[in-house]
Amino acid sequence: MQAIESLLARFPKQRPPLPSAYQAIYHQHYKSNREGNSQASRFAHRFEQWMHQHIAKDCETYTTPYTTLEIGAGTLNHLPYEKNHTAYDIVEPYTALYANSPLCPQIQHFFSDINEVTQSYNRIISIATFEHLENLPLVIARSGLLLKPDGVLRVAIPAEGGFLWKLAWMISTGIEFRLKYKLDYGVLMRHEHINTWQEIHTLLTHCFTTVEQRVFGISPNFSLYHVYICQQPIESRCLAICG
């Protein structure tokens, strides 16, 4: 328990500040990257399909209407992978990402913060978001409390903190970013990816009884992406984190 207490004490985290040169191009680059508007991001999106497919894989098992909450929906780029979805809600504070999306009519409720959510869900999902969250334990704990008794939390993340993931962005987006902006992409990554896969894994196993881990690679440290399928939240631990 001492290890988890030490980990929880790191949160909420603070992002390293961005130098002015990065601030000037931040929003343009972020949206362009999420929409796959560059060669490197288009290449990355082909690999990211693995995450989307594994998160949406359980949709085919539902024979009755079910409810879904997506945390960090961004540009709504995951929605096309969700087959036969019924009630679909999202949490996304950066509203400009989805503001003009033609997929907006498919969303039932829009939330800017998970603390605004009061109803329970069969599924809570998240793709490439948990590595960004300043108060990650709270989001995980709230997710556990918002699940229906048979509900599942499905989380996909890049393997931040692993060797292969760092090598992959350094030789792809990192090179493209330096050629375009004459800046070090690592500065932006340290600002954005403030949580490692090890921290995320530890917090999920602390808050859920059952956690299945899948990797796109040969091991957790030598992989590009992870997917976690979490069930049976430990209510006492979730409540303790939420205060």
Protein backbone atom coordinates (compact mmCIF):
# COMPACT_ATOMS: atom_id res chain seq x y z
CA MET A 1 0.00 0.00 0.00
CA GLN A 2 2.95 2.32 0.53
CA ALA A 3 3.73 2.23 -3.20
CA ILE A 4 0.19 3.21 -4.20
CA GLU A 5 0.11 5.96 -1.58
CA SER A 6 3.35 7.32 -3.00
CA LEU A 7 1.89 7.22 -6.51
CA LEU A 8 -1.35 8.92 -5.48
CA ALA A 9 0.66 11.67 -3.81
CA ARG A 10 2.03 12.71 -7.24
CA PHE A 11 -1.43 13.87 -8.30
CA PRO A 12 -2.76 16.20 -9.40
CA LYS A 13 0.27 16.77 -11.60
CA GLN A 14 1.36 19.99 -13.21
CA ARG A 15 2.48 20.15 -16.82
CA PRO A 16 5.93 21.50 -17.63
CA PRO A 17 5.32 24.97 -19.12
CA LEU A 18 5.63 25.36 -22.87
CA PRO A 19 8.15 27.90 -24.19
CA SER A 20 6.60 30.73 -26.22
CA ALA A 21 7.71 29.25 -29.55
CA TYR A 22 5.67 26.12 -28.80
CA GLN A 23 2.66 28.07 -27.54
CA ALA A 24 2.47 29.90 -30.86
CA ILE A 25 1.95 26.70 -32.85
CA TYR A 26 0.36 24.47 -30.18
CA HIS A 27 -3.34 24.57 -31.12
CA GLN A 28 -2.69 24.37 -34.84
CA HIS A 29 -0.36 21.39 -34.44
CA TYR A 30 -2.62 19.60 -31.94
CA LYS A 31 -5.72 19.70 -34.13
CA SER A 32 -3.74 18.87 -37.27
CA ASN A 33 -2.19 15.89 -35.52
CA ARG A 34 -5.54 14.54 -34.27
CA GLU A 35 -7.06 14.89 -37.75
CA GLY A 36 -4.14 13.17 -39.47
CA ASN A 37 -3.22 16.11 -41.67
CA SER A 38 0.51 15.34 -41.89
CA GLN A 39 2.38 12.38 -43.33
CA ALA A 40 3.63 11.26 -39.91
CA SER A 41 0.23 11.58 -38.23
CA ARG A 42 -1.47 9.69 -41.08
CA PHE A 43 1.09 6.92 -40.65
CA ALA A 44 0.52 6.90 -36.88
CA HIS A 45 -3.25 6.76 -37.31
CA ARG A 46 -2.93 3.52 -39.25
CA PHE A 47 -1.27 1.94 -36.22
CA GLU A 48 -3.74 3.61 -33.86
CA GLN A 49 -6.54 1.64 -35.51
CA TRP A 50 -5.45 -1.25 -33.28
CA MET A 51 -6.50 0.75 -30.22
CA HIS A 52 -9.85 1.77 -31.69
CA GLN A 53 -10.65 -1.77 -32.84
CA HIS A 54 -9.89 -3.32 -29.46
CA ILE A 55 -11.90 -0.70 -27.59
CA ALA A 56 -14.94 -1.22 -29.85
CA LYS A 57 -14.63 -5.01 -30.00
CA ASP A 58 -17.22 -5.65 -27.30
CA CYS A 59 -19.97 -3.75 -29.13
CA GLU A 60 -20.91 -6.86 -31.11
CA THR A 61 -21.58 -8.79 -27.89
CA TYR A 62 -24.48 -6.56 -26.82
CA THR A 63 -27.91 -7.84 -27.84
CA THR A 64 -29.88 -5.12 -26.04
CA PRO A 65 -29.47 -1.32 -25.97
CA TYR A 66 -26.46 -0.18 -23.95
CA THR A 67 -24.96 3.11 -22.80
CA THR A 68 -21.45 4.37 -23.51
CA LEU A 69 -19.40 7.25 -22.12
CA GLU A 70 -16.20 8.19 -23.93
CA ILE A 71 -13.58 10.13 -21.93
CA GLY A 72 -11.47 12.43 -24.08
CA ALA A 73 -13.46 12.12 -27.29
CA GLY A 74 -11.41 14.75 -29.13
CA THR A 75 -12.46 15.03 -32.78
CA LEU A 76 -14.91 12.10 -32.34
CA ASN A 77 -12.55 9.97 -34.43
CA HIS A 78 -13.41 6.83 -32.47
CA LEU A 79 -17.14 7.00 -33.13
CA PRO A 80 -17.02 5.30 -36.59
CA TYR A 81 -15.58 2.19 -34.91
CA GLU A 82 -18.58 1.88 -32.59
CA LYS A 83 -21.05 -0.37 -34.37
CA ASN A 84 -24.72 -0.40 -33.37
CA HIS A 85 -24.17 2.07 -30.55
CA THR A 86 -27.31 3.42 -28.91
CA ALA A 87 -26.86 6.06 -26.18
CA TYR A 88 -23.41 7.66 -26.56
CA ASP A 89 -22.10 10.46 -24.32
CA ILE A 90 -18.70 12.12 -24.25
CA VAL A 91 -16.41 14.01 -21.88
CA GLU A 92 -14.24 16.51 -23.77
CA PRO A 93 -13.14 19.88 -22.36
CA TYR A 94 -11.57 21.05 -25.63
CA THR A 95 -14.84 21.75 -27.47
CA ALA A 96 -13.11 23.21 -30.55
CA LEU A 97 -11.95 19.72 -31.49
CA TYR A 98 -15.45 18.42 -32.22
CA ALA A 99 -17.37 21.67 -32.76
CA ASN A 100 -17.77 21.27 -36.53
CA SER A 101 -17.87 17.49 -36.69
CA PRO A 102 -20.72 15.94 -38.71
CA LEU A 103 -20.78 13.20 -36.06
CA CYS A 104 -22.10 15.52 -33.33
CA PRO A 105 -25.77 14.52 -33.89
CA GLN A 106 -24.82 10.98 -32.80
CA ILE A 107 -23.81 12.24 -29.34
CA GLN A 108 -26.54 12.33 -26.71
CA HIS A 109 -24.81 14.38 -24.01
CA PHE A 110 -21.66 16.54 -24.05
CA PHE A 111 -19.70 17.02 -20.81
CA SER A 112 -16.59 19.10 -20.25
CA ASP A 113 -15.64 17.33 -17.00
CA ILE A 114 -16.30 13.83 -15.67
CA ASN A 115 -17.56 15.37 -12.42
CA GLU A 116 -20.57 16.67 -14.39
CA VAL A 117 -21.68 13.11 -15.16
CA THR A 118 -24.34 11.63 -12.89
CA GLN A 119 -25.84 8.68 -14.76
CA SER A 120 -24.31 5.19 -14.93
CA TYR A 121 -23.07 3.34 -18.01
CA ASN A 122 -22.60 -0.15 -19.37
CA ARG A 123 -19.35 0.97 -21.00
CA ILE A 124 -16.87 3.72 -20.26
CA ILE A 125 -14.13 3.99 -22.87
CA SER A 126 -11.07 6.12 -23.51
CA ILE A 127 -8.51 6.20 -26.32
CA ALA A 128 -5.15 7.97 -26.02
CA THR A 129 -6.31 10.22 -23.17
CA PHE A 130 -5.20 8.82 -19.80
CA GLU A 131 -1.56 9.67 -20.49
CA HIS A 132 -2.59 13.37 -20.62
CA LEU A 133 -4.68 13.68 -17.45
CA GLU A 134 -3.41 15.84 -14.59
CA ASN A 135 -5.75 14.21 -12.07
CA LEU A 136 -5.73 10.69 -13.43
CA PRO A 137 -6.63 8.85 -10.18
CA LEU A 138 -9.83 10.89 -9.88
CA VAL A 139 -10.90 10.08 -13.43
CA ILE A 140 -10.25 6.37 -12.95
CA ALA A 141 -12.07 6.31 -9.62
CA ARG A 142 -15.04 8.29 -10.98
CA SER A 143 -15.21 5.89 -13.91
CA GLY A 144 -15.46 2.97 -11.51
CA LEU A 145 -18.29 4.64 -9.60
CA LEU A 146 -20.18 5.50 -12.82
CA LEU A 147 -20.24 1.93 -14.13
CA LYS A 148 -23.35 -0.22 -13.91
CA PRO A 149 -22.92 -3.45 -11.89
CA ASP A 150 -21.89 -5.43 -14.98
CA GLY A 151 -20.13 -2.50 -16.62
CA VAL A 152 -16.64 -2.34 -18.11
CA LEU A 153 -13.98 0.34 -18.43
CA ARG A 154 -11.96 -0.06 -21.65
CA VAL A 155 -8.84 2.09 -21.91
CA ALA A 156 -6.31 2.38 -24.75
CA ILE A 157 -3.04 4.30 -24.36
CA PRO A 158 0.30 4.72 -26.10
CA ALA A 159 3.06 2.88 -24.24
CA GLU A 160 4.48 6.08 -22.76
CA GLY A 161 7.52 5.24 -20.67
CA GLY A 162 8.48 2.31 -22.89
CA PHE A 163 11.49 2.09 -25.23
CA LEU A 164 9.65 1.24 -28.46
CA TRP A 165 7.08 4.04 -28.10
CA LYS A 166 9.77 6.67 -27.62
CA LEU A 167 11.78 5.35 -30.55
CA ALA A 168 8.66 5.37 -32.76
CA TRP A 169 7.77 9.03 -32.20
CA MET A 170 11.40 10.17 -32.37
CA ILE A 171 11.91 8.77 -35.89
CA SER A 172 8.49 9.80 -37.22
CA THR A 173 6.62 12.77 -35.76
CA GLY A 174 9.77 14.00 -34.03
CA ILE A 175 11.69 14.38 -37.28
CA GLU A 176 8.71 15.89 -39.11
CA PHE A 177 8.14 18.40 -36.29
CA ARG A 178 11.76 19.52 -36.30
CA LEU A 179 11.79 19.95 -40.08
CA LYS A 180 8.57 21.97 -40.02
CA TYR A 181 9.04 24.11 -36.91
CA LYS A 182 12.79 23.80 -36.12
CA LEU A 183 11.82 22.72 -32.60
CA ASP A 184 12.39 19.66 -30.40
CA TYR A 185 9.26 17.48 -30.32
CA GLY A 186 10.37 16.01 -27.01
CA VAL A 187 9.50 19.28 -25.26
CA LEU A 188 5.92 18.98 -26.49
CA MET A 189 5.71 15.30 -25.55
CA ARG A 190 6.87 16.00 -21.99
CA HIS A 191 4.19 18.69 -21.76
CA GLU A 192 1.46 16.43 -23.11
CA HIS A 193 2.25 12.91 -21.88
CA ILE A 194 2.58 13.41 -18.14
CA ASN A 195 1.56 9.85 -17.15
CA THR A 196 3.43 6.66 -18.03
CA TRP A 197 1.85 3.32 -18.86
CA GLN A 198 3.27 1.97 -15.59
CA GLU A 199 1.41 4.63 -13.56
CA ILE A 200 -1.81 4.04 -15.48
CA HIS A 201 -1.54 0.27 -15.05
CA THR A 202 -0.93 0.60 -11.30
CA LEU A 203 -3.90 2.92 -10.76
CA LEU A 204 -6.25 0.71 -12.78
CA THR A 205 -5.28 -2.40 -10.81
CA HIS A 206 -5.71 -0.44 -7.58
CA CYS A 207 -9.28 0.58 -8.46
CA PHE A 208 -10.52 -2.57 -10.24
CA THR A 209 -10.63 -6.21 -9.21
CA THR A 210 -10.17 -7.52 -12.75
CA VAL A 211 -7.80 -5.84 -15.22
CA GLU A 212 -6.87 -7.50 -18.52
CA GLN A 213 -3.89 -6.00 -20.35
CA ARG A 214 -3.29 -6.36 -24.10
CA VAL A 215 -0.26 -4.98 -25.91
CA PHE A 216 0.54 -4.06 -29.51
CA GLY A 217 4.06 -5.45 -29.37
CA ILE A 218 5.97 -8.25 -27.69
CA SER A 219 5.88 -6.99 -24.08
CA PRO A 220 4.51 -4.01 -22.12
CA ASN A 221 7.85 -2.18 -22.35
CA PHE A 222 8.49 -3.16 -25.96
CA SER A 223 5.18 -2.15 -27.49
CA LEU A 224 3.45 0.79 -29.13
CA TYR A 225 0.04 0.64 -27.46
CA HIS A 226 -1.77 -0.98 -24.54
CA VAL A 227 -5.43 -1.77 -24.00
CA TYR A 228 -6.89 -2.39 -20.55
CA ILE A 229 -10.24 -4.04 -19.92
CA CYS A 230 -11.32 -3.32 -16.35
CA GLN A 231 -14.26 -4.78 -14.44
CA GLN A 232 -15.58 -4.99 -10.87
CA PRO A 233 -14.49 -1.63 -9.47
CA ILE A 234 -13.40 -1.62 -5.83
CA GLU A 235 -15.92 0.87 -4.49
CA SER A 236 -14.12 1.67 -1.23
CA ARG A 237 -10.92 2.63 -3.04
CA CYS A 238 -12.75 4.65 -5.68
CA LEU A 239 -14.67 6.56 -2.99
CA ALA A 240 -11.48 7.21 -1.04
CA ILE A 241 -9.84 8.77 -4.10
CA CYS A 242 -12.89 10.85 -4.96
CA GLY A 243 -13.07 12.14 -1.41
